[in-house]
Amino acid sequence: MSDFDFLVGGWTVANRKHTAPLTGTDDWDEFPATMSAHSFFGGAGSFDEIHFPTKGWSGCSFRTYDPAQARWTIHWVNSRDGLLQPPVIGSFNGGVGTFYGEDLHDGQPINVRYLWSRITPTAARWEQAFARPGQDWETNWVMEFSR
């Protein structure tokens, strides 16, 4: 239930984001961020706000734990459009959190995967990947967190 307690506090984040996911190109954009995270519901909830100063926008994630299903639901919204994105759902196993969902990219259905890994008291890694139905995962955003 307290899987995201590691995230509580302030972070510096190095971002590497694919400029055109699912197009076959290999162009990446690198940019900084700062993030602050909090827990609630005694560890069964987590909220963070991340600021991308060179991009001029911010985002937030909030996570809730369902003890009956032993899984987390993660939601994302950003200041560019204010739209709550479809959630990803999953859990931690062996120190790695894996979360799946469905969304649209350029109007087409895609599968979405978040991975949380390399978690220590002073570092963590988050990855987002997309896949068109029936195709392989393509990682398109990596965040390296450090204290």
Foldseek 3Di string as FASTA:
>chain_A
DQLCVLQAAKKKKWKWFAPDPPPPDDDIDIFIKMKHKDADPVRQKIKMKMDGVVVPKIKMKMKGADVVVRKIWIWMAMPVPRDIFHIWMFHDDPAKTKTKDWGDDPNAIKIKIWIWHPRDSFKIKIWIWIGHPPGDTDTGMMMIIGD
